[in-house]
């Protein structure tokens, strides 16, 4: 399956499935989140939680415990992932 990276907001794992949330639809695949992480460009996609991968292009704001996406969805951030996602967001906007 081919998807435009710009269309993807985030991916969430409900083992053994992954839901890919795009601008227009939700796609469910039988895949591990680590496989999904390897398939996505790590320039634009960051794993912010053990169950979530977000597209930095759609991040509106970041706090210590959550990411707010441009579509209004709030995604949790694991304590150990804050620096990684914040750095990726700063690199994207610069």
N, C-alpha and C. Protein backbone atom coordinates (compact mmCIF):
# COMPACT_ATOMS: atom_id res chain seq x y z
N UNK A 1 0.84 -1.17 0.00
CA UNK A 1 0.00 0.00 0.00
C UNK A 1 0.89 1.24 0.00
N UNK A 2 0.56 2.19 -0.84
CA UNK A 2 1.29 3.45 -0.90
C UNK A 2 0.44 4.56 -0.30
N UNK A 3 1.08 5.33 0.57
CA UNK A 3 0.43 6.49 1.17
C UNK A 3 1.37 7.68 1.05
N UNK A 4 0.80 8.84 0.87
CA UNK A 4 1.57 10.07 0.86
C UNK A 4 1.90 10.43 2.32
N UNK A 5 3.18 10.59 2.64
CA UNK A 5 3.60 10.92 4.00
C UNK A 5 2.87 12.15 4.54
N UNK A 6 2.62 13.13 3.67
CA UNK A 6 1.97 14.35 4.11
C UNK A 6 0.54 14.12 4.60
N UNK A 7 -0.08 13.05 4.14
CA UNK A 7 -1.46 12.75 4.50
C UNK A 7 -1.58 12.10 5.88
N UNK A 8 -0.50 11.49 6.36
CA UNK A 8 -0.55 10.75 7.63
C UNK A 8 -0.36 11.70 8.80
N UNK A 9 -1.31 11.65 9.75
CA UNK A 9 -1.19 12.41 10.99
C UNK A 9 -0.42 11.61 12.03
N UNK A 10 -0.89 10.39 12.28
CA UNK A 10 -0.24 9.54 13.26
C UNK A 10 -0.64 8.09 13.07
N UNK A 11 0.10 7.21 13.73
CA UNK A 11 -0.18 5.77 13.74
C UNK A 11 -0.32 5.35 15.19
N UNK A 12 -1.25 4.46 15.45
CA UNK A 12 -1.43 3.93 16.80
C UNK A 12 -1.51 2.42 16.73
N UNK A 13 -0.87 1.77 17.69
CA UNK A 13 -0.85 0.31 17.73
C UNK A 13 -1.91 -0.21 18.69
N UNK A 14 -2.69 -1.18 18.20
CA UNK A 14 -3.58 -1.99 19.02
C UNK A 14 -3.21 -3.42 18.66
N UNK A 15 -2.19 -3.94 19.32
CA UNK A 15 -1.58 -5.22 18.95
C UNK A 15 -2.62 -6.28 18.61
N UNK A 16 -2.50 -6.95 17.50
CA UNK A 16 -1.41 -6.95 16.52
C UNK A 16 -1.67 -6.02 15.34
N UNK A 17 -2.50 -4.99 15.52
CA UNK A 17 -2.86 -4.10 14.42
C UNK A 17 -2.31 -2.70 14.61
N UNK A 18 -2.17 -2.00 13.51
CA UNK A 18 -1.79 -0.59 13.50
C UNK A 18 -2.89 0.17 12.78
N UNK A 19 -3.36 1.25 13.38
CA UNK A 19 -4.29 2.17 12.72
C UNK A 19 -3.48 3.36 12.23
N UNK A 20 -3.58 3.64 10.93
CA UNK A 20 -2.92 4.81 10.35
C UNK A 20 -4.01 5.85 10.13
N UNK A 21 -3.88 6.98 10.82
CA UNK A 21 -4.87 8.05 10.72
C UNK A 21 -4.36 9.09 9.72
N UNK A 22 -5.12 9.27 8.64
CA UNK A 22 -4.75 10.22 7.60
C UNK A 22 -5.76 11.37 7.59
N UNK A 23 -5.56 12.30 6.67
CA UNK A 23 -6.49 13.42 6.55
C UNK A 23 -7.90 12.96 6.20
N UNK A 24 -8.01 11.86 5.45
CA UNK A 24 -9.32 11.47 4.95
C UNK A 24 -9.84 10.13 5.46
N UNK A 25 -8.97 9.31 6.07
CA UNK A 25 -9.44 7.98 6.48
C UNK A 25 -8.55 7.37 7.55
N UNK A 26 -9.04 6.25 8.09
CA UNK A 26 -8.26 5.44 9.02
C UNK A 26 -8.03 4.10 8.33
N UNK A 27 -6.77 3.68 8.26
CA UNK A 27 -6.41 2.43 7.61
C UNK A 27 -5.86 1.49 8.68
N UNK A 28 -6.36 0.26 8.71
CA UNK A 28 -5.90 -0.72 9.68
C UNK A 28 -5.08 -1.79 8.98
N UNK A 29 -3.88 -2.03 9.52
CA UNK A 29 -2.97 -3.04 8.98
C UNK A 29 -2.57 -4.00 10.09
N UNK A 30 -2.28 -5.22 9.71
CA UNK A 30 -1.73 -6.18 10.67
C UNK A 30 -0.20 -6.07 10.56
N UNK A 31 0.38 -5.33 11.50
CA UNK A 31 1.81 -5.03 11.45
C UNK A 31 2.27 -4.63 12.84
N UNK A 32 3.53 -4.87 13.14
CA UNK A 32 4.12 -4.43 14.40
C UNK A 32 4.49 -2.95 14.27
N UNK A 33 4.43 -2.25 15.39
CA UNK A 33 4.76 -0.83 15.35
C UNK A 33 6.23 -0.61 14.99
N UNK A 34 7.10 -1.54 15.37
CA UNK A 34 8.52 -1.41 15.01
C UNK A 34 8.71 -1.53 13.50
N UNK A 35 7.92 -2.40 12.85
CA UNK A 35 7.97 -2.52 11.39
C UNK A 35 7.49 -1.23 10.74
N UNK A 36 6.42 -0.67 11.28
CA UNK A 36 5.87 0.57 10.75
C UNK A 36 6.89 1.70 10.90
N UNK A 37 7.52 1.74 12.04
CA UNK A 37 8.54 2.76 12.32
C UNK A 37 9.69 2.66 11.30
N UNK A 38 10.08 1.45 10.96
CA UNK A 38 11.15 1.25 9.97
C UNK A 38 10.72 1.62 8.56
N UNK A 39 9.42 1.51 8.26
CA UNK A 39 8.91 1.84 6.93
C UNK A 39 8.72 3.33 6.71
N UNK A 40 8.61 4.09 7.78
CA UNK A 40 8.36 5.53 7.68
C UNK A 40 9.67 6.30 7.77
N UNK A 41 9.71 7.43 7.10
CA UNK A 41 10.90 8.30 7.12
C UNK A 41 11.10 8.86 8.53
N UNK A 42 12.26 8.60 9.13
CA UNK A 42 12.47 9.15 10.47
C UNK A 42 12.81 10.64 10.45
N UNK A 43 12.81 11.23 9.27
CA UNK A 43 12.94 12.68 9.16
C UNK A 43 11.63 13.36 9.58
N UNK A 44 10.51 12.73 9.28
CA UNK A 44 9.21 13.32 9.57
C UNK A 44 8.38 12.55 10.59
N UNK A 45 8.75 11.32 10.89
CA UNK A 45 7.96 10.50 11.81
C UNK A 45 8.78 10.14 13.03
N UNK A 46 8.17 10.36 14.21
CA UNK A 46 8.85 10.11 15.47
C UNK A 46 7.93 9.29 16.37
N UNK A 47 8.52 8.31 17.02
CA UNK A 47 7.77 7.52 17.98
C UNK A 47 7.79 8.28 19.30
N UNK A 48 6.63 8.71 19.73
CA UNK A 48 6.56 9.53 20.95
C UNK A 48 6.07 8.74 22.15
N UNK A 49 5.65 7.51 21.92
CA UNK A 49 5.08 6.66 22.96
C UNK A 49 5.20 5.23 22.45
N UNK A 50 5.11 4.27 23.31
CA UNK A 50 5.27 2.88 22.84
C UNK A 50 4.20 2.48 21.85
N UNK A 51 3.07 3.19 21.83
CA UNK A 51 1.98 2.85 20.92
C UNK A 51 1.73 3.87 19.82
N UNK A 52 2.48 4.96 19.78
CA UNK A 52 2.20 6.04 18.82
C UNK A 52 3.43 6.46 18.03
N UNK A 53 3.20 6.74 16.75
CA UNK A 53 4.17 7.40 15.88
C UNK A 53 3.46 8.63 15.31
N UNK A 54 4.08 9.80 15.39
CA UNK A 54 3.45 11.02 14.87
C UNK A 54 4.26 11.60 13.73
N UNK A 55 3.56 12.33 12.87
CA UNK A 55 4.18 13.05 11.77
C UNK A 55 4.47 14.47 12.26
N UNK A 56 5.75 14.85 12.32
CA UNK A 56 6.11 16.17 12.85
C UNK A 56 5.54 17.30 12.00
N UNK A 57 5.21 17.03 10.75
CA UNK A 57 4.62 18.06 9.89
C UNK A 57 3.25 18.52 10.40
N UNK A 58 2.59 17.68 11.20
CA UNK A 58 1.25 18.01 11.69
C UNK A 58 1.23 18.40 13.15
N UNK A 59 2.40 18.58 13.77
CA UNK A 59 2.44 19.00 15.17
C UNK A 59 2.17 20.49 15.26
N UNK A 60 1.22 20.83 16.12
CA UNK A 60 0.89 22.23 16.36
C UNK A 60 1.63 22.74 17.60
N UNK A 61 1.67 21.91 18.66
CA UNK A 61 2.40 22.27 19.88
C UNK A 61 2.77 21.02 20.65
N UNK A 62 3.75 21.20 21.55
CA UNK A 62 4.24 20.10 22.38
C UNK A 62 4.32 20.58 23.82
N UNK A 63 3.84 19.73 24.74
CA UNK A 63 4.06 19.95 26.17
C UNK A 63 4.87 18.76 26.67
N UNK A 64 5.18 18.73 27.94
CA UNK A 64 5.98 17.63 28.49
C UNK A 64 5.29 16.27 28.35
N UNK A 65 3.96 16.25 28.31
CA UNK A 65 3.27 14.96 28.31
C UNK A 65 2.36 14.70 27.11
N UNK A 66 2.26 15.67 26.18
CA UNK A 66 1.42 15.42 25.00
C UNK A 66 1.80 16.29 23.81
N UNK A 67 1.38 15.80 22.65
CA UNK A 67 1.56 16.50 21.38
C UNK A 67 0.16 16.89 20.91
N UNK A 68 0.00 18.12 20.48
CA UNK A 68 -1.26 18.56 19.88
C UNK A 68 -1.05 18.64 18.38
N UNK A 69 -1.86 17.88 17.64
CA UNK A 69 -1.75 17.87 16.18
C UNK A 69 -2.63 18.95 15.58
N UNK A 70 -2.39 19.28 14.33
CA UNK A 70 -3.13 20.34 13.65
C UNK A 70 -4.61 20.02 13.49
N UNK A 71 -4.98 18.74 13.61
CA UNK A 71 -6.40 18.36 13.52
C UNK A 71 -7.07 18.32 14.88
N UNK A 72 -6.37 18.75 15.94
CA UNK A 72 -6.94 18.81 17.28
C UNK A 72 -6.74 17.57 18.13
N UNK A 73 -6.17 16.53 17.59
CA UNK A 73 -5.94 15.29 18.33
C UNK A 73 -4.75 15.47 19.27
N UNK A 74 -4.89 14.96 20.51
CA UNK A 74 -3.80 15.00 21.48
C UNK A 74 -3.23 13.59 21.61
N UNK A 75 -1.91 13.50 21.49
CA UNK A 75 -1.19 12.24 21.55
C UNK A 75 -0.27 12.26 22.77
N UNK A 76 -0.28 11.20 23.59
CA UNK A 76 0.61 11.19 24.77
C UNK A 76 2.08 11.05 24.39
N UNK A 77 2.95 11.60 25.24
CA UNK A 77 4.39 11.47 25.08
C UNK A 77 4.92 10.71 26.30
N UNK A 78 5.71 9.68 26.06
CA UNK A 78 6.37 8.97 27.16
C UNK A 78 7.43 9.88 27.76
N UNK A 79 7.70 9.71 29.04
CA UNK A 79 8.68 10.57 29.73
C UNK A 79 10.03 10.57 29.03
N UNK A 80 10.49 9.43 28.58
CA UNK A 80 11.80 9.34 27.95
C UNK A 80 11.84 9.79 26.50
N UNK A 81 10.69 10.13 25.91
CA UNK A 81 10.63 10.50 24.49
C UNK A 81 10.49 12.00 24.24
N UNK A 82 10.31 12.79 25.30
CA UNK A 82 10.07 14.22 25.11
C UNK A 82 11.20 14.90 24.33
N UNK A 83 12.45 14.68 24.72
CA UNK A 83 13.57 15.35 24.06
C UNK A 83 13.64 14.98 22.59
N UNK A 84 13.46 13.70 22.29
CA UNK A 84 13.54 13.23 20.90
C UNK A 84 12.47 13.89 20.03
N UNK A 85 11.24 13.94 20.52
CA UNK A 85 10.18 14.53 19.70
C UNK A 85 10.30 16.04 19.63
N UNK A 86 10.73 16.67 20.71
CA UNK A 86 10.91 18.12 20.70
C UNK A 86 12.03 18.51 19.74
N UNK A 87 13.14 17.76 19.76
CA UNK A 87 14.25 18.03 18.84
C UNK A 87 13.82 17.85 17.38
N UNK A 88 13.05 16.79 17.11
CA UNK A 88 12.57 16.54 15.74
C UNK A 88 11.67 17.68 15.27
N UNK A 89 10.82 18.17 16.16
CA UNK A 89 9.92 19.28 15.82
C UNK A 89 10.71 20.55 15.55
N UNK A 90 11.68 20.85 16.41
CA UNK A 90 12.51 22.06 16.23
C UNK A 90 13.29 21.96 14.92
N UNK A 91 13.86 20.80 14.62
CA UNK A 91 14.58 20.62 13.36
C UNK A 91 13.65 20.80 12.16
N UNK A 92 12.42 20.35 12.27
CA UNK A 92 11.46 20.49 11.17
C UNK A 92 11.11 21.96 10.93
N UNK A 93 10.84 22.70 12.00
CA UNK A 93 10.41 24.10 11.80
C UNK A 93 11.57 25.01 11.40
N UNK A 94 12.79 24.59 11.68
CA UNK A 94 13.95 25.37 11.26
C UNK A 94 14.31 24.97 9.88
